[in-house]
Amino acid sequence: MNSIYQVIQVIHVLSFVMMSVPLFNLIVVNERALMGGPFTYATDRYMENIIRHGAIRCYVFQLTVFISGILLVVLGPSGLQALWTNWVLGFKTLSVLALMAMLSVVHFRIQPKLEEALSQIGPDSPIPEGFAAKLKPFRILRKRMATFCLFLVLSTIIMGMQVYTRFHPALTAGLITAAGLFAFRVNRSLILFGWV
């Protein structure tokens, strides 16, 4: 049983690592902005395909995190009641559910509006006047949500490291603040050199 528990732990942690989709979507969006210029069908369609297809992958990783997390709680020393007696586990559970909800808003509400607009043109079509401006509000909202998702993923990882051994509250606050600053920085820049 101990080996099964350890395998589930590895799956849980690896799935969280794979939930870095918001980070890489923000990098893709910022790379596109770096190219500048007006709307270009091939470039913008390629970027939208990357983001649209990433949602399904992210759902799979989120679901894996959720299921493996519940299994860890059920098979762990504290049992299922730890979800409401251990506030860190409660926070992690609510965070994963919030991430799923935000991904659903992006995937089922925002992305279809972008796809609908893009379906009106093709690779050889002339780009209508103001087309990029039509997409901009949806792209801005999606980027803000990806930034918050990245912050939430990082914060959940920080809290996940404290399921059994708590950090000093000042350290936790400092790390979560650093996660927020990093998410904001990724929103605004290309982070060409990773953390730096």
Protein backbone atom coordinates (compact mmCIF):
# COMPACT_ATOMS: atom_id res chain seq x y z
CA MET A 1 0.00 0.00 0.00
CA ASN A 2 2.89 2.36 0.76
CA SER A 3 4.20 2.00 -2.81
CA ILE A 4 0.78 2.79 -4.28
CA TYR A 5 0.57 5.91 -2.11
CA GLN A 6 4.03 7.02 -3.29
CA VAL A 7 3.12 6.44 -6.95
CA ILE A 8 -0.01 8.56 -6.46
CA GLN A 9 2.16 11.27 -4.88
CA VAL A 10 4.45 11.30 -7.94
CA ILE A 11 1.46 11.45 -10.30
CA HIS A 12 -0.03 14.29 -8.25
CA VAL A 13 3.15 16.37 -8.30
CA LEU A 14 3.89 15.69 -11.98
CA SER A 15 0.34 16.68 -12.92
CA PHE A 16 0.78 19.98 -11.10
CA VAL A 17 4.00 20.57 -13.02
CA MET A 18 2.13 19.91 -16.27
CA MET A 19 -0.42 22.55 -15.27
CA SER A 20 2.07 25.20 -16.37
CA VAL A 21 -0.17 25.88 -19.39
CA PRO A 22 -1.00 29.44 -18.19
CA LEU A 23 2.72 30.26 -18.07
CA PHE A 24 3.36 29.06 -21.61
CA ASN A 25 0.18 30.62 -23.00
CA LEU A 26 1.32 33.97 -21.59
CA ILE A 27 4.72 33.47 -23.19
CA VAL A 28 3.07 32.67 -26.56
CA VAL A 29 0.88 35.79 -26.34
CA ASN A 30 3.84 37.98 -25.43
CA GLU A 31 5.92 36.51 -28.26
CA ARG A 32 3.11 37.42 -30.65
CA ALA A 33 3.03 40.98 -29.29
CA LEU A 34 6.80 41.22 -29.78
CA MET A 35 6.28 40.55 -33.48
CA GLY A 36 4.15 43.68 -33.60
CA GLY A 37 2.31 44.68 -36.69
CA PRO A 38 -1.33 44.23 -37.59
CA PHE A 39 -3.37 41.05 -37.47
CA THR A 40 -1.77 38.37 -39.67
CA TYR A 41 -4.00 35.40 -40.34
CA ALA A 42 -1.35 32.66 -40.32
CA THR A 43 0.43 33.93 -37.21
CA ASP A 44 -2.67 34.70 -35.21
CA ARG A 45 -4.42 31.48 -36.24
CA TYR A 46 -1.35 29.51 -35.15
CA MET A 47 -1.31 31.28 -31.75
CA GLU A 48 -5.03 30.67 -31.23
CA ASN A 49 -4.63 26.99 -32.11
CA ILE A 50 -1.91 26.59 -29.48
CA ILE A 51 -4.08 28.23 -26.83
CA ARG A 52 -7.32 26.45 -27.84
CA HIS A 53 -5.76 22.99 -27.89
CA GLY A 54 -3.95 23.60 -24.59
CA ALA A 55 -7.30 23.72 -22.77
CA ILE A 56 -8.00 20.00 -23.24
CA ARG A 57 -4.52 19.11 -21.99
CA CYS A 58 -5.02 21.36 -19.00
CA TYR A 59 -8.37 19.74 -18.15
CA VAL A 60 -6.69 16.33 -18.14
CA PHE A 61 -3.90 17.53 -15.83
CA GLN A 62 -6.36 19.34 -13.54
CA LEU A 63 -8.57 16.27 -13.29
CA THR A 64 -5.52 14.12 -12.57
CA VAL A 65 -4.44 16.53 -9.82
CA PHE A 66 -7.93 16.51 -8.33
CA ILE A 67 -8.40 12.72 -8.39
CA SER A 68 -4.86 11.94 -7.20
CA GLY A 69 -5.24 14.55 -4.45
CA ILE A 70 -8.48 13.00 -3.21
CA LEU A 71 -6.84 9.54 -3.30
CA LEU A 72 -3.88 10.86 -1.29
CA VAL A 73 -6.24 12.26 1.33
CA VAL A 74 -8.36 9.09 1.50
CA LEU A 75 -5.32 6.78 1.66
CA GLY A 76 -3.30 9.13 3.89
CA PRO A 77 -3.01 9.14 7.64
CA SER A 78 -5.77 11.71 8.23
CA GLY A 79 -8.50 10.35 5.95
CA LEU A 80 -11.14 12.26 4.02
CA GLN A 81 -12.00 14.52 6.97
CA ALA A 82 -8.61 16.21 6.43
CA LEU A 83 -10.26 18.20 3.61
CA TRP A 84 -12.08 20.26 6.22
CA THR A 85 -9.77 19.82 9.24
CA ASN A 86 -6.54 20.71 7.41
CA TRP A 87 -7.00 24.20 5.96
CA VAL A 88 -4.05 23.73 3.57
CA LEU A 89 -5.76 20.74 1.94
CA GLY A 90 -9.00 22.69 1.83
CA PHE A 91 -7.20 25.59 0.12
CA LYS A 92 -5.58 23.26 -2.41
CA THR A 93 -8.91 21.60 -3.21
CA LEU A 94 -10.72 24.92 -3.67
CA SER A 95 -7.82 26.21 -5.79
CA VAL A 96 -8.00 23.28 -8.19
CA LEU A 97 -11.77 23.69 -8.47
CA ALA A 98 -11.29 27.44 -9.12
CA LEU A 99 -8.70 26.65 -11.82
CA MET A 100 -11.16 24.27 -13.49
CA ALA A 101 -13.88 26.92 -13.35
CA MET A 102 -11.64 29.61 -14.86
CA LEU A 103 -10.47 27.26 -17.61
CA SER A 104 -14.12 26.51 -18.37
CA VAL A 105 -14.91 30.22 -18.70
CA VAL A 106 -12.01 30.65 -21.12
CA HIS A 107 -12.70 27.46 -23.08
CA PHE A 108 -16.49 27.69 -23.31
CA ARG A 109 -17.12 31.45 -23.33
CA ILE A 110 -14.09 33.48 -24.42
CA GLN A 111 -12.38 31.17 -26.91
CA PRO A 112 -15.58 30.46 -28.91
CA LYS A 113 -16.04 34.20 -29.45
CA LEU A 114 -12.51 34.46 -30.81
CA GLU A 115 -13.04 31.37 -32.96
CA GLU A 116 -16.30 32.77 -34.32
CA ALA A 117 -14.55 35.98 -35.37
CA LEU A 118 -11.64 34.08 -36.92
CA SER A 119 -14.00 31.80 -38.85
CA GLN A 120 -15.18 34.82 -40.85
CA ILE A 121 -11.82 35.17 -42.57
CA GLY A 122 -9.38 32.80 -44.24
CA PRO A 123 -5.69 32.72 -45.11
CA ASP A 124 -6.27 34.56 -48.40
CA SER A 125 -9.08 36.86 -47.25
CA PRO A 126 -8.52 40.56 -46.86
CA ILE A 127 -8.52 41.51 -43.19
CA PRO A 128 -11.51 43.75 -42.41
CA GLU A 129 -10.83 47.18 -40.96
CA GLY A 130 -10.66 47.05 -37.16
CA PHE A 131 -10.54 43.25 -37.02
CA ALA A 132 -7.73 43.14 -34.44
CA ALA A 133 -9.64 45.65 -32.30
CA LYS A 134 -12.64 43.29 -32.38
CA LEU A 135 -10.50 40.49 -30.90
CA LYS A 136 -8.64 42.64 -28.38
CA PRO A 137 -11.18 42.69 -25.48
CA PHE A 138 -11.44 38.89 -25.48
CA ARG A 139 -7.68 38.45 -25.69
CA ILE A 140 -7.10 40.91 -22.85
CA LEU A 141 -9.63 39.13 -20.62
CA ARG A 142 -8.13 35.74 -21.46
CA LYS A 143 -4.62 37.03 -20.68
CA ARG A 144 -5.74 38.41 -17.31
CA MET A 145 -7.37 35.10 -16.44
CA ALA A 146 -4.22 33.19 -17.46
CA THR A 147 -2.19 35.48 -15.21
CA PHE A 148 -4.47 34.80 -12.26
CA CYS A 149 -4.42 31.05 -13.05
CA LEU A 150 -0.62 31.09 -13.03
CA PHE A 151 -0.65 32.85 -9.66
CA LEU A 152 -3.13 30.32 -8.32
CA VAL A 153 -1.09 27.34 -9.59
CA LEU A 154 2.08 28.72 -7.98
CA SER A 155 0.27 29.53 -4.72
CA THR A 156 -1.26 26.06 -4.62
CA ILE A 157 2.16 24.47 -5.08
CA ILE A 158 3.55 26.63 -2.26
CA MET A 159 0.68 25.56 -0.02
CA GLY A 160 0.96 21.94 -1.15
CA MET A 161 4.47 21.80 0.22
CA GLN A 162 2.94 22.60 3.62
CA VAL A 163 0.34 19.84 3.89
CA TYR A 164 2.20 18.14 6.74
CA THR A 165 4.87 20.67 7.76
CA ARG A 166 3.98 24.36 7.83
CA PHE A 167 6.37 27.13 6.85
CA HIS A 168 6.66 30.23 9.01
CA PRO A 169 3.68 32.49 8.13
CA ALA A 170 6.03 35.29 7.00
CA LEU A 171 7.80 32.90 4.62
CA THR A 172 4.47 31.70 3.22
CA ALA A 173 3.31 35.29 2.71
CA GLY A 174 6.64 36.17 1.09
CA LEU A 175 6.51 33.20 -1.28
CA ILE A 176 2.91 33.91 -2.29
CA THR A 177 3.81 37.57 -2.85
CA ALA A 178 6.74 36.44 -5.01
CA ALA A 179 4.35 34.16 -6.96
CA GLY A 180 2.07 37.14 -7.57
CA LEU A 181 4.95 39.33 -8.71
CA PHE A 182 6.21 36.59 -11.02
CA ALA A 183 2.74 36.08 -12.56
CA PHE A 184 2.44 39.85 -13.09
CA ARG A 185 5.90 39.93 -14.68
CA VAL A 186 5.04 37.06 -17.03
CA ASN A 187 1.92 38.99 -18.03
CA ARG A 188 4.00 42.05 -18.92
CA SER A 189 7.20 40.64 -20.37
CA LEU A 190 8.77 37.72 -22.22
CA ILE A 191 10.86 36.46 -19.28
CA LEU A 192 13.60 35.69 -21.77
CA PHE A 193 15.90 34.32 -19.08
CA GLY A 194 13.39 32.36 -17.01
CA TRP A 195 13.19 33.71 -13.47
CA VAL A 196 15.35 36.72 -14.29
